[in-house]
Amino acid sequence: HVQLVESGGGSVQAGGSLTLSCVPSGTNFGGDPMGYCMAWFRQAPGKEREGVAYISTTSGITYYADSVKGRFTISRENADDSGGNTPSLVMENLKPEDTGMYYCAAGERRLGVPCTALAAYGYWGRGTQVTVS
């Protein structure tokens, strides 16, 4: 059973920084030859969930929502020597509009499904709250 657990959220003042981490259990996201899509989504109260940062573990190519470009950085760190991947998100120059619940997501790469597509993600964490005042 695959689980993702986020950490690193909190309350900060505008202009501050936070780093979110996501630890998987049940898999290290390193065994599929096609690789994985990993991403961070967020959901503010009363709003739909939106993707803010995406990364392909095979190419390392990243994608960002326009609202966070230049401020957020997604990366996938090796969980262990077996070549696993764990996604993290460095958030800088935070703004009040960045407030929301942040979710880690991952999924096996599939032909025809880009990492920016919601359909690419079958594994989700329960979220970590980020509040910017």
Protein backbone atom coordinates (compact mmCIF):
# COMPACT_ATOMS: atom_id res chain seq x y z
CA HIS A 1 0.00 0.00 0.00
CA VAL A 2 1.58 3.26 -1.15
CA GLN A 3 1.32 6.30 1.06
CA LEU A 4 2.71 9.81 0.80
CA VAL A 5 3.25 11.94 3.89
CA GLU A 6 3.93 15.64 3.58
CA SER A 7 5.74 17.81 6.11
CA GLY A 8 7.21 21.28 6.37
CA GLY A 9 4.10 23.40 6.30
CA GLY A 10 3.51 26.20 8.76
CA SER A 11 2.71 29.85 9.26
CA VAL A 12 5.05 32.52 7.90
CA GLN A 13 4.96 36.19 7.13
CA ALA A 14 4.87 37.44 3.58
CA GLY A 15 8.33 37.30 2.05
CA GLY A 16 9.29 34.27 4.10
CA SER A 17 10.27 30.78 2.97
CA LEU A 18 9.23 27.21 3.60
CA THR A 19 10.44 23.85 2.35
CA LEU A 20 7.92 21.05 1.93
CA SER A 21 8.98 17.41 1.92
CA CYS A 22 7.13 14.29 0.91
CA VAL A 23 8.09 10.86 2.20
CA PRO A 24 6.68 7.80 0.46
CA SER A 25 6.07 4.43 2.04
CA GLY A 26 5.28 1.21 0.24
CA THR A 27 7.46 2.29 -2.67
CA ASN A 28 10.49 4.48 -3.27
CA PHE A 29 9.34 5.59 -6.74
CA GLY A 30 12.45 4.19 -8.30
CA GLY A 31 11.44 0.89 -9.87
CA ASP A 32 9.56 1.82 -13.02
CA PRO A 33 11.81 2.13 -16.10
CA MET A 34 9.54 4.80 -17.53
CA GLY A 35 9.94 6.85 -14.39
CA TYR A 36 7.40 8.87 -12.51
CA CYS A 37 5.63 12.18 -12.49
CA MET A 38 5.79 14.04 -9.18
CA ALA A 39 4.03 17.23 -8.27
CA TRP A 40 2.79 19.58 -5.64
CA PHE A 41 -0.80 20.79 -5.72
CA ARG A 42 -2.51 23.27 -3.44
CA GLN A 43 -6.05 24.12 -2.51
CA ALA A 44 -7.17 27.33 -0.91
CA PRO A 45 -10.50 27.56 0.96
CA GLY A 46 -13.36 27.82 -1.48
CA LYS A 47 -11.13 27.20 -4.48
CA GLU A 48 -10.34 24.22 -6.67
CA ARG A 49 -7.14 22.24 -6.26
CA GLU A 50 -4.45 23.56 -8.58
CA GLY A 51 -1.07 22.22 -9.61
CA VAL A 52 1.82 24.51 -8.74
CA ALA A 53 4.92 22.47 -9.63
CA TYR A 54 5.62 19.28 -11.56
CA ILE A 55 8.71 17.19 -12.29
CA SER A 56 9.54 14.14 -14.37
CA THR A 57 11.93 11.82 -12.58
CA THR A 58 13.48 10.55 -15.81
CA SER A 59 14.25 13.86 -17.48
CA GLY A 60 14.29 16.14 -14.45
CA ILE A 61 12.25 18.63 -16.47
CA THR A 62 10.11 20.87 -14.29
CA TYR A 63 6.94 22.85 -14.90
CA TYR A 64 5.47 25.63 -12.78
CA ALA A 65 2.23 27.50 -12.54
CA ASP A 66 2.70 31.11 -13.62
CA SER A 67 1.76 32.30 -10.14
CA VAL A 68 4.81 30.62 -8.57
CA LYS A 69 7.47 30.82 -11.30
CA GLY A 70 10.69 32.23 -9.96
CA ARG A 71 9.64 31.66 -6.34
CA PHE A 72 9.04 27.90 -6.02
CA THR A 73 11.47 25.11 -6.88
CA ILE A 74 10.51 21.45 -7.13
CA SER A 75 13.12 18.72 -6.96
CA ARG A 76 13.27 14.98 -6.55
CA GLU A 77 15.86 13.71 -4.17
CA ASN A 78 17.14 10.18 -4.06
CA ALA A 79 15.50 8.44 -1.16
CA ASP A 80 18.26 5.88 -0.93
CA ASP A 81 20.98 4.20 -2.95
CA SER A 82 18.42 2.20 -4.89
CA GLY A 83 17.58 5.24 -6.96
CA GLY A 84 14.28 6.18 -5.42
CA ASN A 85 12.77 9.63 -5.61
CA THR A 86 11.19 11.86 -3.03
CA PRO A 87 9.74 15.21 -4.10
CA SER A 88 10.36 18.43 -2.23
CA LEU A 89 9.23 22.00 -2.78
CA VAL A 90 11.23 25.07 -1.80
CA MET A 91 8.97 28.10 -1.54
CA GLU A 92 10.50 31.56 -1.33
CA ASN A 93 9.11 35.07 -1.23
CA LEU A 94 5.79 33.69 -0.07
CA LYS A 95 2.66 35.75 -0.57
CA PRO A 96 -0.69 35.66 1.24
CA GLU A 97 -2.25 34.19 -1.90
CA ASP A 98 0.01 31.16 -1.49
CA THR A 99 -2.01 30.17 1.56
CA GLY A 100 -3.63 26.76 1.28
CA MET A 101 -3.31 23.05 1.84
CA TYR A 102 -0.40 21.64 -0.12
CA TYR A 103 -0.53 18.09 -1.43
CA CYS A 104 2.23 15.86 -2.72
CA ALA A 105 1.30 13.64 -5.66
CA ALA A 106 3.04 10.99 -7.73
CA GLY A 107 2.28 8.55 -10.49
CA GLU A 108 3.88 6.21 -13.00
CA ARG A 109 4.72 7.81 -16.35
CA ARG A 110 2.34 6.73 -19.09
CA LEU A 111 2.54 7.33 -22.81
CA GLY A 112 0.40 10.26 -23.87
CA VAL A 113 -0.13 11.57 -20.35
CA PRO A 114 2.05 14.58 -19.55
CA CYS A 115 3.19 15.25 -16.02
CA THR A 116 1.10 18.41 -16.02
CA ALA A 117 -2.10 16.38 -16.34
CA LEU A 118 -4.12 15.54 -13.26
CA ALA A 119 -4.61 12.06 -14.71
CA ALA A 120 -0.88 11.42 -14.26
CA TYR A 121 -1.29 11.15 -10.50
CA GLY A 122 -2.60 8.11 -8.69
CA TYR A 123 -0.92 8.62 -5.35
CA TRP A 124 -1.72 11.51 -3.06
CA GLY A 125 -0.72 12.67 0.40
CA ARG A 126 -3.14 14.12 2.93
CA GLY A 127 -1.64 17.57 2.76
CA THR A 128 0.25 20.06 4.87
CA GLN A 129 -1.11 23.52 5.65
CA VAL A 130 0.74 26.66 4.55
CA THR A 131 -0.45 30.00 5.89
CA VAL A 132 1.10 33.27 4.77
CA SER A 133 0.09 36.49 6.49
